[in-house]
Amino acid sequence: MRTDTRTEEIRTEDARTEDARTEDVRTAIEAAAREQLSAVLTPEVAPEALDPDADMVAAYGLTSLNKVLFLTEVCEATDVDLAHFTEHDLAAMKTLRDVTDALTRHTGKGV
């Protein structure tokens, strides 16, 4: 019984560590996405002023060309291969949060 309790404690601790790592990765990806989106916007919007839930086209006037540039740069900055995403996936990335979520799911995966 005591061994089972200790095993469960270790599993819980491992899960917490993994959750913390995932959150660290997510935070880094969001920061990179903010930086890259800010860089392609005209007029430029400060990274910290970007609303993660705003539609990037409606709120910031992101053009399709700038979206491609933005996604290419953020994938490069985060070591996520753009090849992971289909045309449908890219079209579904309407907000900064959508981009962050999608890239977080593919962090560390090879082609």
Protein backbone atom coordinates (compact mmCIF):
# COMPACT_ATOMS: atom_id res chain seq x y z
CA MET A 1 0.00 0.00 0.00
CA ARG A 2 2.79 2.40 0.92
CA THR A 3 4.57 1.70 -2.38
CA ASP A 4 1.36 2.47 -4.29
CA THR A 5 1.02 5.80 -2.49
CA ARG A 6 4.64 6.75 -3.27
CA THR A 7 4.23 5.69 -6.90
CA GLU A 8 1.16 7.89 -7.20
CA GLU A 9 3.04 10.81 -5.58
CA ILE A 10 5.83 10.42 -8.13
CA ARG A 11 3.33 10.31 -11.01
CA THR A 12 1.63 13.45 -9.71
CA GLU A 13 4.98 15.22 -9.36
CA ASP A 14 5.99 14.16 -12.90
CA ALA A 15 2.69 15.45 -14.27
CA ARG A 16 3.19 18.81 -12.53
CA THR A 17 6.71 19.06 -13.97
CA GLU A 18 5.42 18.28 -17.46
CA ASP A 19 2.62 20.86 -17.07
CA ALA A 20 5.18 23.49 -16.02
CA ARG A 21 7.40 22.67 -19.03
CA THR A 22 4.43 22.88 -21.38
CA GLU A 23 3.46 26.25 -19.91
CA ASP A 24 7.04 27.52 -20.30
CA VAL A 25 7.04 26.43 -23.95
CA ARG A 26 3.62 27.99 -24.51
CA THR A 27 4.78 31.28 -22.97
CA ALA A 28 7.89 31.32 -25.19
CA ILE A 29 5.82 30.57 -28.29
CA GLU A 30 3.31 33.28 -27.46
CA ALA A 31 6.15 35.79 -26.98
CA ALA A 32 7.67 34.82 -30.34
CA ALA A 33 4.26 35.04 -32.03
CA ARG A 34 3.66 38.49 -30.55
CA GLU A 35 7.07 39.70 -31.74
CA GLN A 36 6.62 38.33 -35.25
CA LEU A 37 3.05 39.60 -35.64
CA SER A 38 4.06 43.04 -34.41
CA ALA A 39 6.86 43.13 -36.99
CA VAL A 40 4.54 42.55 -39.99
CA LEU A 41 1.75 44.93 -39.00
CA THR A 42 1.40 48.35 -40.58
CA PRO A 43 1.18 50.46 -38.56
CA GLU A 44 3.22 48.45 -36.10
CA VAL A 45 1.50 47.49 -32.85
CA ALA A 46 3.66 46.83 -29.79
CA PRO A 47 3.85 43.10 -29.00
CA GLU A 48 2.46 43.59 -25.50
CA ALA A 49 -0.51 45.55 -26.89
CA LEU A 50 -1.70 42.68 -29.10
CA ASP A 51 -4.94 41.04 -27.98
CA PRO A 52 -4.48 37.24 -28.16
CA ASP A 53 -8.19 36.76 -28.90
CA ALA A 54 -8.60 39.45 -31.55
CA ASP A 55 -9.13 38.40 -35.16
CA MET A 56 -5.80 39.33 -36.76
CA VAL A 57 -7.45 40.42 -40.03
CA ALA A 58 -10.33 42.42 -38.54
CA ALA A 59 -8.44 44.00 -35.64
CA TYR A 60 -5.02 44.58 -37.18
CA GLY A 61 -5.59 44.47 -40.94
CA LEU A 62 -3.32 41.47 -41.41
CA THR A 63 -3.14 40.70 -45.13
CA SER A 64 -2.84 37.18 -46.50
CA LEU A 65 0.73 37.87 -47.62
CA ASN A 66 1.67 39.22 -44.19
CA LYS A 67 0.01 36.22 -42.56
CA VAL A 68 2.23 33.91 -44.59
CA LEU A 69 5.30 35.98 -43.66
CA PHE A 70 4.25 36.05 -40.00
CA LEU A 71 3.61 32.29 -39.81
CA THR A 72 6.85 31.48 -41.62
CA GLU A 73 8.87 33.65 -39.23
CA VAL A 74 7.15 32.43 -36.07
CA CYS A 75 7.61 28.80 -37.12
CA GLU A 76 11.28 29.47 -37.76
CA ALA A 77 11.66 31.28 -34.42
CA THR A 78 10.04 28.43 -32.50
CA ASP A 79 11.56 25.49 -34.42
CA VAL A 80 8.16 24.25 -35.51
CA ASP A 81 8.11 22.95 -39.07
CA LEU A 82 5.53 24.79 -41.17
CA ALA A 83 4.99 21.50 -43.01
CA HIS A 84 2.97 20.26 -39.99
CA PHE A 85 0.12 22.51 -41.07
CA THR A 86 -2.34 22.07 -43.90
CA GLU A 87 -3.94 24.92 -45.78
CA HIS A 88 -7.04 24.37 -43.62
CA ASP A 89 -4.94 24.58 -40.43
CA LEU A 90 -3.42 27.88 -41.56
CA ALA A 91 -6.82 29.32 -42.47
CA ALA A 92 -8.15 28.35 -39.03
CA MET A 93 -5.44 30.41 -37.31
CA LYS A 94 -7.47 33.59 -36.94
CA THR A 95 -6.16 34.85 -33.60
CA LEU A 96 -2.80 34.99 -31.89
CA ARG A 97 -4.12 32.40 -29.43
CA ASP A 98 -4.98 30.07 -32.35
CA VAL A 99 -1.41 30.39 -33.61
CA THR A 100 0.08 29.83 -30.15
CA ASP A 101 -2.11 26.76 -29.55
CA ALA A 102 -1.27 25.24 -32.93
CA LEU A 103 2.47 25.76 -32.57
CA THR A 104 2.47 24.48 -28.98
CA ARG A 105 0.89 21.21 -30.15
CA HIS A 106 3.73 20.70 -32.64
CA THR A 107 6.70 21.81 -30.55
CA GLY A 108 9.48 19.25 -30.63
CA LYS A 109 7.88 17.07 -33.34
CA GLY A 110 9.89 16.13 -36.39
CA VAL A 111 8.55 15.94 -39.92
